[in-house]
Amino acid sequence: AVVSTQSTGISGMMWTVLFALTFFATGWAACNNLYYQGIKFVITNDRDVAVYWPNGRPDASGAIDRTTSPPSGYVNFPDDREYKFWLREEDGSKIYWDNDMGGHYWPITNKDGCEEEKKDETPYSGCKDLFYHKIRFAIDENNKVVVHWPNGRPDAPGVIDPSQNPPTGYVNFPD
């Protein structure tokens, strides 16, 4: 994921944004069901987490914040304790427990319930609406872009230049 935030010197929060399409690609972290050795790690409502065991161990529950990078949260195992976790795909698709990028982890062996990106015929990658953890990047036929936030943050308008490779532009974050 590549995002450049160079200040343009314009008052307010005006940023130059480099739109690298890998940033918007649907990775497994955007999937709601992750599997490891028969264990099912389920994300619902984009915030709740449940762990279902195939062996009769009590199910666990917790929460996730998908707006962070990497997505992270906690799970409370009723027969053990609460564990923090981090979802990482850049190092081989793993759920790290208690220590980001270290210690105990589950390598993800399967996934489903994945968010699909919506496509349209435009000069920049064929995408009209791009999604990253429920954040929507809407791009119209006039190369205008608007970042729509799921948490009530004000929309951020901008412009994209599809003649550049990769496409570049700016977004004005009003807050």
N, C-alpha and C. Protein backbone atom coordinates (compact mmCIF):
# COMPACT_ATOMS: atom_id res chain seq x y z
N ALA A 1 0.84 -1.17 0.00
CA ALA A 1 0.00 0.00 0.00
C ALA A 1 0.88 1.22 0.00
N VAL A 2 0.66 2.09 -0.94
CA VAL A 2 1.48 3.28 -1.05
C VAL A 2 0.56 4.49 -1.02
N VAL A 3 0.73 5.35 -0.05
CA VAL A 3 -0.01 6.60 0.01
C VAL A 3 0.98 7.68 0.37
N SER A 4 1.10 8.68 -0.47
CA SER A 4 2.00 9.79 -0.21
C SER A 4 1.19 10.94 0.34
N THR A 5 1.67 11.55 1.41
CA THR A 5 0.97 12.70 1.97
C THR A 5 1.96 13.85 2.08
N GLN A 6 2.20 14.48 0.96
CA GLN A 6 3.09 15.63 0.94
C GLN A 6 2.24 16.88 1.04
N SER A 7 2.60 17.79 1.92
CA SER A 7 1.84 19.02 2.08
C SER A 7 1.99 19.88 0.83
N THR A 8 0.90 20.47 0.40
CA THR A 8 0.94 21.32 -0.78
C THR A 8 1.17 22.79 -0.42
N GLY A 9 1.20 23.09 0.87
CA GLY A 9 1.39 24.46 1.29
C GLY A 9 0.10 25.27 1.27
N ILE A 10 -1.02 24.68 0.90
CA ILE A 10 -2.30 25.36 0.89
C ILE A 10 -2.87 25.27 2.30
N SER A 11 -3.56 26.33 2.76
CA SER A 11 -4.08 26.33 4.12
C SER A 11 -5.06 25.19 4.33
N GLY A 12 -5.20 24.79 5.58
CA GLY A 12 -6.09 23.68 5.91
C GLY A 12 -5.35 22.37 5.73
N MET A 13 -6.11 21.32 5.64
CA MET A 13 -5.51 19.99 5.52
C MET A 13 -5.58 19.53 4.07
N MET A 14 -4.77 20.13 3.21
CA MET A 14 -4.73 19.75 1.80
C MET A 14 -3.53 18.83 1.61
N TRP A 15 -3.75 17.70 1.05
CA TRP A 15 -2.69 16.72 0.87
C TRP A 15 -2.65 16.25 -0.56
N THR A 16 -1.47 15.93 -1.02
CA THR A 16 -1.32 15.26 -2.29
C THR A 16 -1.38 13.77 -1.99
N VAL A 17 -2.21 13.06 -2.70
CA VAL A 17 -2.39 11.64 -2.42
C VAL A 17 -1.98 10.83 -3.65
N LEU A 18 -1.15 9.87 -3.46
CA LEU A 18 -0.77 8.96 -4.52
C LEU A 18 -1.66 7.73 -4.42
N PHE A 19 -2.51 7.51 -5.43
CA PHE A 19 -3.44 6.40 -5.42
C PHE A 19 -2.77 5.17 -6.01
N ALA A 20 -2.24 4.32 -5.19
CA ALA A 20 -1.67 3.05 -5.66
C ALA A 20 -2.78 2.01 -5.51
N LEU A 21 -3.10 1.34 -6.58
CA LEU A 21 -4.26 0.46 -6.57
C LEU A 21 -4.11 -0.70 -5.61
N THR A 22 -2.89 -1.05 -5.23
CA THR A 22 -2.74 -2.11 -4.25
C THR A 22 -3.32 -1.71 -2.91
N PHE A 23 -3.40 -0.42 -2.62
CA PHE A 23 -3.98 0.07 -1.39
C PHE A 23 -5.45 -0.29 -1.31
N PHE A 24 -6.12 -0.32 -2.46
CA PHE A 24 -7.55 -0.56 -2.49
C PHE A 24 -7.92 -2.01 -2.77
N ALA A 25 -6.94 -2.83 -3.07
CA ALA A 25 -7.24 -4.22 -3.40
C ALA A 25 -7.84 -4.93 -2.20
N THR A 26 -8.70 -5.88 -2.49
CA THR A 26 -9.35 -6.63 -1.42
C THR A 26 -8.42 -7.72 -0.95
N GLY A 27 -7.81 -7.53 0.19
CA GLY A 27 -6.97 -8.56 0.80
C GLY A 27 -7.81 -9.37 1.77
N TRP A 28 -7.19 -10.36 2.40
CA TRP A 28 -7.94 -11.19 3.32
C TRP A 28 -8.38 -10.43 4.56
N ALA A 29 -7.71 -9.32 4.87
CA ALA A 29 -8.11 -8.53 6.04
C ALA A 29 -9.49 -7.91 5.83
N ALA A 30 -9.97 -7.86 4.58
CA ALA A 30 -11.32 -7.39 4.29
C ALA A 30 -12.31 -8.55 4.26
N CYS A 31 -11.86 -9.75 4.60
CA CYS A 31 -12.73 -10.93 4.63
C CYS A 31 -13.31 -11.09 6.04
N ASN A 32 -14.52 -11.60 6.10
CA ASN A 32 -15.19 -11.75 7.39
C ASN A 32 -14.97 -13.09 8.05
N ASN A 33 -14.52 -14.10 7.31
CA ASN A 33 -14.30 -15.44 7.86
C ASN A 33 -12.90 -15.90 7.53
N LEU A 34 -12.10 -16.14 8.57
CA LEU A 34 -10.73 -16.60 8.42
C LEU A 34 -10.61 -17.96 9.11
N TYR A 35 -9.80 -18.86 8.54
CA TYR A 35 -9.72 -20.22 9.06
C TYR A 35 -8.27 -20.63 9.34
N TYR A 36 -8.13 -21.41 10.43
CA TYR A 36 -6.84 -21.97 10.79
C TYR A 36 -7.09 -23.30 11.50
N GLN A 37 -6.65 -24.39 10.94
CA GLN A 37 -6.77 -25.73 11.50
C GLN A 37 -8.17 -26.03 12.04
N GLY A 38 -9.20 -25.71 11.26
CA GLY A 38 -10.57 -25.97 11.67
C GLY A 38 -11.18 -24.91 12.56
N ILE A 39 -10.38 -23.97 13.02
CA ILE A 39 -10.87 -22.88 13.87
C ILE A 39 -11.38 -21.78 12.94
N LYS A 40 -12.56 -21.24 13.25
CA LYS A 40 -13.15 -20.19 12.42
C LYS A 40 -13.13 -18.87 13.20
N PHE A 41 -12.47 -17.86 12.62
CA PHE A 41 -12.36 -16.51 13.16
C PHE A 41 -13.33 -15.65 12.35
N VAL A 42 -14.41 -15.16 13.00
CA VAL A 42 -15.50 -14.49 12.28
C VAL A 42 -15.59 -13.02 12.72
N ILE A 43 -15.71 -12.14 11.73
CA ILE A 43 -15.90 -10.71 11.98
C ILE A 43 -17.30 -10.34 11.50
N THR A 44 -18.11 -9.73 12.40
CA THR A 44 -19.46 -9.28 12.03
C THR A 44 -19.59 -7.80 12.36
N ASN A 45 -20.47 -7.14 11.64
CA ASN A 45 -20.74 -5.71 11.85
C ASN A 45 -19.49 -4.85 11.75
N ASP A 46 -18.44 -5.37 11.12
CA ASP A 46 -17.17 -4.66 10.98
C ASP A 46 -16.55 -4.27 12.32
N ARG A 47 -17.01 -4.90 13.42
CA ARG A 47 -16.42 -4.56 14.72
C ARG A 47 -16.42 -5.72 15.71
N ASP A 48 -17.32 -6.68 15.56
CA ASP A 48 -17.41 -7.79 16.50
C ASP A 48 -16.64 -8.99 15.98
N VAL A 49 -16.02 -9.73 16.89
CA VAL A 49 -15.22 -10.90 16.54
C VAL A 49 -15.71 -12.09 17.35
N ALA A 50 -15.75 -13.26 16.72
CA ALA A 50 -16.03 -14.51 17.42
C ALA A 50 -15.05 -15.57 16.92
N VAL A 51 -14.64 -16.45 17.82
CA VAL A 51 -13.77 -17.57 17.47
C VAL A 51 -14.53 -18.84 17.81
N TYR A 52 -14.74 -19.68 16.78
CA TYR A 52 -15.47 -20.93 16.94
C TYR A 52 -14.50 -22.10 16.80
N TRP A 53 -14.54 -23.00 17.76
CA TRP A 53 -13.62 -24.13 17.83
C TRP A 53 -14.29 -25.41 17.32
N PRO A 54 -13.55 -26.26 16.63
CA PRO A 54 -14.11 -27.52 16.16
C PRO A 54 -14.08 -28.63 17.22
N ASN A 55 -13.45 -28.37 18.36
CA ASN A 55 -13.19 -29.42 19.35
C ASN A 55 -13.99 -29.30 20.64
N GLY A 56 -15.00 -28.44 20.68
CA GLY A 56 -15.80 -28.29 21.88
C GLY A 56 -15.30 -27.25 22.86
N ARG A 57 -14.16 -26.62 22.60
CA ARG A 57 -13.69 -25.53 23.47
C ARG A 57 -14.72 -24.42 23.43
N PRO A 58 -14.94 -23.69 24.54
CA PRO A 58 -15.92 -22.60 24.54
C PRO A 58 -15.58 -21.53 23.50
N ASP A 59 -16.61 -21.06 22.79
CA ASP A 59 -16.42 -19.99 21.81
C ASP A 59 -15.93 -18.73 22.50
N ALA A 60 -15.17 -17.93 21.77
CA ALA A 60 -14.60 -16.69 22.29
C ALA A 60 -15.20 -15.51 21.54
N SER A 61 -15.17 -14.34 22.16
CA SER A 61 -15.71 -13.14 21.50
C SER A 61 -14.83 -11.94 21.83
N GLY A 62 -14.97 -10.92 20.97
CA GLY A 62 -14.19 -9.71 21.17
C GLY A 62 -14.57 -8.64 20.18
N ALA A 63 -13.62 -7.78 19.86
CA ALA A 63 -13.87 -6.64 18.98
C ALA A 63 -12.65 -6.40 18.10
N ILE A 64 -12.88 -5.74 16.96
CA ILE A 64 -11.82 -5.39 16.01
C ILE A 64 -12.00 -3.96 15.56
N ASP A 65 -10.90 -3.30 15.27
CA ASP A 65 -10.93 -1.97 14.66
C ASP A 65 -10.31 -2.12 13.28
N ARG A 66 -11.16 -2.11 12.25
CA ARG A 66 -10.69 -2.28 10.87
C ARG A 66 -10.22 -0.96 10.26
N THR A 67 -10.35 0.15 10.99
CA THR A 67 -9.89 1.43 10.45
C THR A 67 -8.41 1.64 10.72
N THR A 68 -7.79 0.78 11.53
CA THR A 68 -6.36 0.88 11.80
C THR A 68 -5.59 0.02 10.81
N SER A 69 -4.32 0.28 10.71
CA SER A 69 -3.47 -0.53 9.85
C SER A 69 -2.28 -1.02 10.66
N PRO A 70 -2.21 -2.31 10.94
CA PRO A 70 -3.13 -3.36 10.49
C PRO A 70 -4.38 -3.38 11.36
N PRO A 71 -5.46 -4.00 10.86
CA PRO A 71 -6.64 -4.18 11.71
C PRO A 71 -6.24 -4.92 12.98
N SER A 72 -6.78 -4.49 14.12
CA SER A 72 -6.40 -5.10 15.39
C SER A 72 -7.56 -5.06 16.36
N GLY A 73 -7.43 -5.81 17.45
CA GLY A 73 -8.47 -5.83 18.46
C GLY A 73 -8.13 -6.78 19.58
N TYR A 74 -9.17 -7.37 20.18
CA TYR A 74 -8.97 -8.31 21.28
C TYR A 74 -10.02 -9.41 21.18
N VAL A 75 -9.70 -10.55 21.78
CA VAL A 75 -10.63 -11.66 21.91
C VAL A 75 -10.53 -12.17 23.34
N ASN A 76 -11.69 -12.36 23.98
CA ASN A 76 -11.75 -12.89 25.33
C ASN A 76 -12.10 -14.38 25.26
N PHE A 77 -11.13 -15.22 25.63
CA PHE A 77 -11.35 -16.67 25.66
C PHE A 77 -11.84 -17.02 27.06
N PRO A 78 -13.12 -17.46 27.21
CA PRO A 78 -13.70 -17.66 28.54
C PRO A 78 -12.98 -18.71 29.39
N ASP A 79 -12.27 -19.63 28.76
CA ASP A 79 -11.54 -20.65 29.52
C ASP A 79 -10.07 -20.28 29.71
N ASP A 80 -9.70 -19.06 29.30
CA ASP A 80 -8.30 -18.64 29.41
C ASP A 80 -8.24 -17.18 29.85
N ARG A 81 -8.08 -16.26 28.90
CA ARG A 81 -7.97 -14.83 29.21
C ARG A 81 -8.22 -14.02 27.95
N GLU A 82 -8.08 -12.71 28.06
CA GLU A 82 -8.22 -11.82 26.90
C GLU A 82 -6.86 -11.71 26.20
N TYR A 83 -6.91 -11.82 24.86
CA TYR A 83 -5.71 -11.68 24.04
C TYR A 83 -5.91 -10.54 23.05
N LYS A 84 -4.88 -9.74 22.86
CA LYS A 84 -4.88 -8.76 21.77
C LYS A 84 -4.47 -9.49 20.50
N PHE A 85 -4.93 -8.98 19.33
CA PHE A 85 -4.53 -9.59 18.06
C PHE A 85 -4.34 -8.52 16.99
N TRP A 86 -3.59 -8.90 15.95
CA TRP A 86 -3.33 -8.06 14.78
C TRP A 86 -3.49 -8.94 13.55
N LEU A 87 -4.21 -8.46 12.54
CA LEU A 87 -4.37 -9.19 11.28
C LEU A 87 -3.33 -8.65 10.31
N ARG A 88 -2.45 -9.53 9.87
CA ARG A 88 -1.37 -9.14 8.96
C ARG A 88 -1.41 -10.03 7.72
N GLU A 89 -1.39 -9.41 6.53
CA GLU A 89 -1.31 -10.22 5.32
C GLU A 89 -0.02 -10.01 4.56
N GLU A 90 0.71 -8.95 4.88
CA GLU A 90 1.93 -8.67 4.11
C GLU A 90 3.05 -9.66 4.42
N ASP A 91 2.93 -10.42 5.49
CA ASP A 91 3.98 -11.39 5.82
C ASP A 91 3.47 -12.83 5.76
N GLY A 92 2.47 -13.09 4.93
CA GLY A 92 2.01 -14.45 4.74
C GLY A 92 0.67 -14.77 5.36
N SER A 93 -0.17 -13.79 5.59
CA SER A 93 -1.53 -13.98 6.10
C SER A 93 -1.54 -14.66 7.47
N LYS A 94 -1.42 -13.85 8.51
CA LYS A 94 -1.36 -14.37 9.88
C LYS A 94 -2.19 -13.53 10.82
N ILE A 95 -2.69 -14.17 11.87
CA ILE A 95 -3.27 -13.47 13.01
C ILE A 95 -2.22 -13.58 14.12
N TYR A 96 -1.69 -12.44 14.54
CA TYR A 96 -0.72 -12.42 15.64
C TYR A 96 -1.45 -12.23 16.96
N TRP A 97 -1.05 -12.97 17.96
CA TRP A 97 -1.67 -12.92 19.28
C TRP A 97 -0.70 -12.31 20.29
N ASP A 98 -1.14 -11.30 21.03
CA ASP A 98 -0.43 -10.65 22.13
C ASP A 98 0.76 -9.80 21.74
N ASN A 99 1.32 -9.99 20.56
CA ASN A 99 2.50 -9.22 20.18
C ASN A 99 2.49 -9.07 18.66
N ASP A 100 2.28 -7.85 18.18
CA ASP A 100 2.24 -7.62 16.74
C ASP A 100 3.58 -8.01 16.11
N MET A 101 3.54 -8.86 15.11
CA MET A 101 4.71 -9.31 14.35
C MET A 101 5.67 -10.17 15.17
N GLY A 102 5.17 -10.78 16.21
CA GLY A 102 6.05 -11.63 17.00
C GLY A 102 5.26 -12.59 17.87
N GLY A 103 5.96 -13.54 18.46
CA GLY A 103 5.31 -14.46 19.38
C GLY A 103 4.41 -15.47 18.67
N HIS A 104 3.26 -15.71 19.25
CA HIS A 104 2.33 -16.72 18.74
C HIS A 104 1.47 -16.15 17.61
N TYR A 105 1.25 -16.96 16.56
CA TYR A 105 0.40 -16.53 15.46
C TYR A 105 -0.31 -17.74 14.86
N TRP A 106 -1.40 -17.46 14.15
CA TRP A 106 -2.12 -18.46 13.36
C TRP A 106 -1.93 -18.12 11.89
N PRO A 107 -1.31 -18.98 11.11
CA PRO A 107 -1.27 -18.75 9.66
C PRO A 107 -2.65 -19.04 9.06
N ILE A 108 -3.19 -18.11 8.34
CA ILE A 108 -4.53 -18.27 7.75
C ILE A 108 -4.43 -19.27 6.59
N THR A 109 -5.28 -20.30 6.64
CA THR A 109 -5.25 -21.33 5.61
C THR A 109 -6.41 -21.21 4.62
N ASN A 110 -7.44 -20.44 4.98
CA ASN A 110 -8.58 -20.25 4.08
C ASN A 110 -9.32 -18.99 4.52
N LYS A 111 -10.18 -18.48 3.63
CA LYS A 111 -10.96 -17.27 3.92
C LYS A 111 -12.22 -17.29 3.08
N ASP A 112 -13.28 -16.61 3.55
CA ASP A 112 -14.47 -16.36 2.74
C ASP A 112 -15.21 -15.17 3.33
N GLY A 113 -16.32 -14.80 2.71
CA GLY A 113 -17.05 -13.62 3.16
C GLY A 113 -16.28 -12.35 2.87
N CYS A 114 -15.58 -12.32 1.73
CA CYS A 114 -14.72 -11.19 1.41
C CYS A 114 -15.49 -10.10 0.67
N GLU A 115 -15.17 -8.85 0.99
CA GLU A 115 -15.74 -7.69 0.32
C GLU A 115 -15.16 -7.61 -1.08
N GLU A 116 -16.01 -7.44 -2.06
CA GLU A 116 -15.54 -7.33 -3.44
C GLU A 116 -15.46 -5.87 -3.84
N GLU A 117 -14.43 -5.54 -4.64
CA GLU A 117 -14.35 -4.18 -5.13
C GLU A 117 -15.30 -4.03 -6.32
N LYS A 118 -15.89 -2.85 -6.43
CA LYS A 118 -16.80 -2.56 -7.53
C LYS A 118 -16.01 -1.95 -8.67
N LYS A 119 -16.34 -2.37 -9.91
CA LYS A 119 -15.56 -1.89 -11.06
C LYS A 119 -16.44 -1.20 -12.08
N ASP A 120 -15.82 -0.31 -12.84
CA ASP A 120 -16.46 0.41 -13.93
C ASP A 120 -15.36 0.71 -14.95
N GLU A 121 -15.74 1.09 -16.15
CA GLU A 121 -14.75 1.39 -17.17
C GLU A 121 -14.29 2.85 -17.05
N THR A 122 -13.13 3.07 -16.45
CA THR A 122 -12.51 4.39 -16.34
C THR A 122 -11.03 4.24 -16.65
N PRO A 123 -10.35 5.32 -16.97
CA PRO A 123 -8.94 5.20 -17.32
C PRO A 123 -8.04 4.79 -16.17
N TYR A 124 -8.47 4.95 -14.93
CA TYR A 124 -7.63 4.60 -13.80
C TYR A 124 -8.10 3.30 -13.18
N SER A 125 -7.56 2.20 -13.68
CA SER A 125 -7.70 0.85 -13.16
C SER A 125 -9.06 0.22 -13.36
N GLY A 126 -9.99 0.89 -14.01
CA GLY A 126 -11.30 0.31 -14.18
C GLY A 126 -12.18 0.43 -12.96
N CYS A 127 -11.78 1.19 -11.96
CA CYS A 127 -12.56 1.30 -10.73
C CYS A 127 -13.27 2.64 -10.65
N LYS A 128 -14.53 2.61 -10.27
CA LYS A 128 -15.31 3.82 -10.03
C LYS A 128 -15.43 4.05 -8.53
N ASP A 129 -15.76 3.02 -7.79
CA ASP A 129 -15.82 3.07 -6.34
C ASP A 129 -14.78 2.10 -5.80
N LEU A 130 -13.88 2.62 -5.00
CA LEU A 130 -12.85 1.80 -4.38
C LEU A 130 -13.12 1.75 -2.89
N PHE A 131 -12.88 0.60 -2.27
CA PHE A 131 -13.17 0.44 -0.86
C PHE A 131 -11.93 -0.02 -0.11
N TYR A 132 -11.77 0.53 1.08
CA TYR A 132 -10.74 0.07 2.00
C TYR A 132 -11.35 0.08 3.39
N HIS A 133 -11.69 -1.09 3.91
CA HIS A 133 -12.31 -1.23 5.22
C HIS A 133 -13.49 -0.28 5.40
N LYS A 134 -14.42 -0.33 4.46
CA LYS A 134 -15.67 0.44 4.48
C LYS A 134 -15.48 1.93 4.18
N ILE A 135 -14.25 2.38 3.97
CA ILE A 135 -14.01 3.75 3.52
C ILE A 135 -14.17 3.70 2.00
N ARG A 136 -15.04 4.57 1.47
CA ARG A 136 -15.35 4.55 0.04
C ARG A 136 -14.68 5.71 -0.67
N PHE A 137 -13.96 5.41 -1.75
CA PHE A 137 -13.34 6.41 -2.61
C PHE A 137 -14.17 6.44 -3.88
N ALA A 138 -15.05 7.43 -4.01
CA ALA A 138 -15.93 7.53 -5.17
C ALA A 138 -15.27 8.42 -6.21
N ILE A 139 -15.16 7.90 -7.43
CA ILE A 139 -14.52 8.64 -8.52
C ILE A 139 -15.53 8.77 -9.65
N ASP A 140 -15.81 10.01 -10.09
CA ASP A 140 -16.80 10.19 -11.16
C ASP A 140 -16.12 10.33 -12.52
N GLU A 141 -16.94 10.48 -13.57
CA GLU A 141 -16.41 10.55 -14.94
C GLU A 141 -15.62 11.82 -15.21
N ASN A 142 -15.70 12.83 -14.33
CA ASN A 142 -14.95 14.07 -14.49
C ASN A 142 -13.68 14.09 -13.64
N ASN A 143 -13.26 12.92 -13.16
CA ASN A 143 -12.05 12.77 -12.36
C ASN A 143 -12.12 13.45 -11.00
N LYS A 144 -13.32 13.66 -10.51
CA LYS A 144 -13.51 14.16 -9.15
C LYS A 144 -13.55 12.95 -8.22
N VAL A 145 -12.96 13.08 -7.05
CA VAL A 145 -12.95 11.99 -6.07
C VAL A 145 -13.52 12.52 -4.75
N VAL A 146 -14.25 11.68 -4.06
CA VAL A 146 -14.75 12.01 -2.72
C VAL A 146 -14.49 10.82 -1.82
N VAL A 147 -13.85 11.08 -0.67
CA VAL A 147 -13.63 10.04 0.32
C VAL A 147 -14.81 10.09 1.29
N HIS A 148 -15.58 8.98 1.34
CA HIS A 148 -16.72 8.86 2.24
C HIS A 148 -16.33 7.98 3.42
N TRP A 149 -16.45 8.51 4.63
CA TRP A 149 -16.06 7.79 5.85
C TRP A 149 -17.28 7.11 6.46
N PRO A 150 -17.14 5.89 7.00
CA PRO A 150 -18.27 5.20 7.62
C PRO A 150 -18.56 5.66 9.05
N ASN A 151 -17.68 6.45 9.63
CA ASN A 151 -17.80 6.81 11.05
C ASN A 151 -18.29 8.23 11.30
N GLY A 152 -18.84 8.90 10.28
CA GLY A 152 -19.36 10.25 10.48
C GLY A 152 -18.35 11.35 10.22
N ARG A 153 -17.10 11.02 9.92
CA ARG A 153 -16.12 12.04 9.60
C ARG A 153 -16.58 12.75 8.33
N PRO A 154 -16.36 14.07 8.19
CA PRO A 154 -16.82 14.80 7.00
C PRO A 154 -16.19 14.24 5.72
N ASP A 155 -16.98 14.22 4.64
CA ASP A 155 -16.48 13.77 3.35
C ASP A 155 -15.32 14.66 2.91
N ALA A 156 -14.40 14.07 2.17
CA ALA A 156 -13.22 14.80 1.71
C ALA A 156 -13.20 14.81 0.18
N PRO A 157 -13.43 15.99 -0.44
CA PRO A 157 -13.43 16.06 -1.91
C PRO A 157 -12.02 16.26 -2.46
N GLY A 158 -11.85 15.89 -3.73
CA GLY A 158 -10.57 16.08 -4.37
C GLY A 158 -10.65 15.81 -5.86
N VAL A 159 -9.49 15.70 -6.49
CA VAL A 159 -9.37 15.49 -7.92
C VAL A 159 -8.28 14.45 -8.15
N ILE A 160 -8.49 13.62 -9.18
CA ILE A 160 -7.49 12.63 -9.56
C ILE A 160 -7.06 12.90 -11.00
N ASP A 161 -5.77 12.70 -11.28
CA ASP A 161 -5.24 12.88 -12.63
C ASP A 161 -4.89 11.51 -13.19
N PRO A 162 -5.77 10.92 -14.02
CA PRO A 162 -5.53 9.58 -14.53
C PRO A 162 -4.45 9.50 -15.60
N SER A 163 -3.95 10.67 -16.08
CA SER A 163 -2.91 10.63 -17.11
C SER A 163 -1.55 10.27 -16.52
N GLN A 164 -1.41 10.38 -15.22
CA GLN A 164 -0.16 10.01 -14.54
C GLN A 164 -0.14 8.50 -14.32
N ASN A 165 1.05 7.93 -14.25
CA ASN A 165 1.17 6.51 -13.95
C ASN A 165 2.12 6.33 -12.77
N PRO A 166 1.59 5.98 -11.59
CA PRO A 166 0.19 5.71 -11.29
C PRO A 166 -0.59 7.01 -11.17
N PRO A 167 -1.93 6.92 -11.22
CA PRO A 167 -2.76 8.13 -11.08
C PRO A 167 -2.46 8.84 -9.77
N THR A 168 -2.43 10.18 -9.82
CA THR A 168 -2.18 10.98 -8.62
C THR A 168 -3.27 12.03 -8.50
N GLY A 169 -3.30 12.71 -7.39
CA GLY A 169 -4.28 13.77 -7.19
C GLY A 169 -4.20 14.30 -5.77
N TYR A 170 -5.27 14.96 -5.36
CA TYR A 170 -5.30 15.49 -4.00
C TYR A 170 -6.70 15.30 -3.42
N VAL A 171 -6.74 15.31 -2.09
CA VAL A 171 -7.98 15.26 -1.33
C VAL A 171 -7.90 16.30 -0.25
N ASN A 172 -8.96 17.09 -0.07
CA ASN A 172 -9.01 18.11 0.96
C ASN A 172 -9.80 17.56 2.14
N PHE A 173 -9.12 17.23 3.23
CA PHE A 173 -9.78 16.74 4.43
C PHE A 173 -10.22 17.96 5.25
N PRO A 174 -11.54 18.24 5.31
CA PRO A 174 -12.02 19.47 5.93
C PRO A 174 -11.81 19.57 7.43
N ASP A 175 -11.55 18.44 8.07
CA ASP A 175 -11.35 18.50 9.51
C ASP A 175 -9.87 18.48 9.82
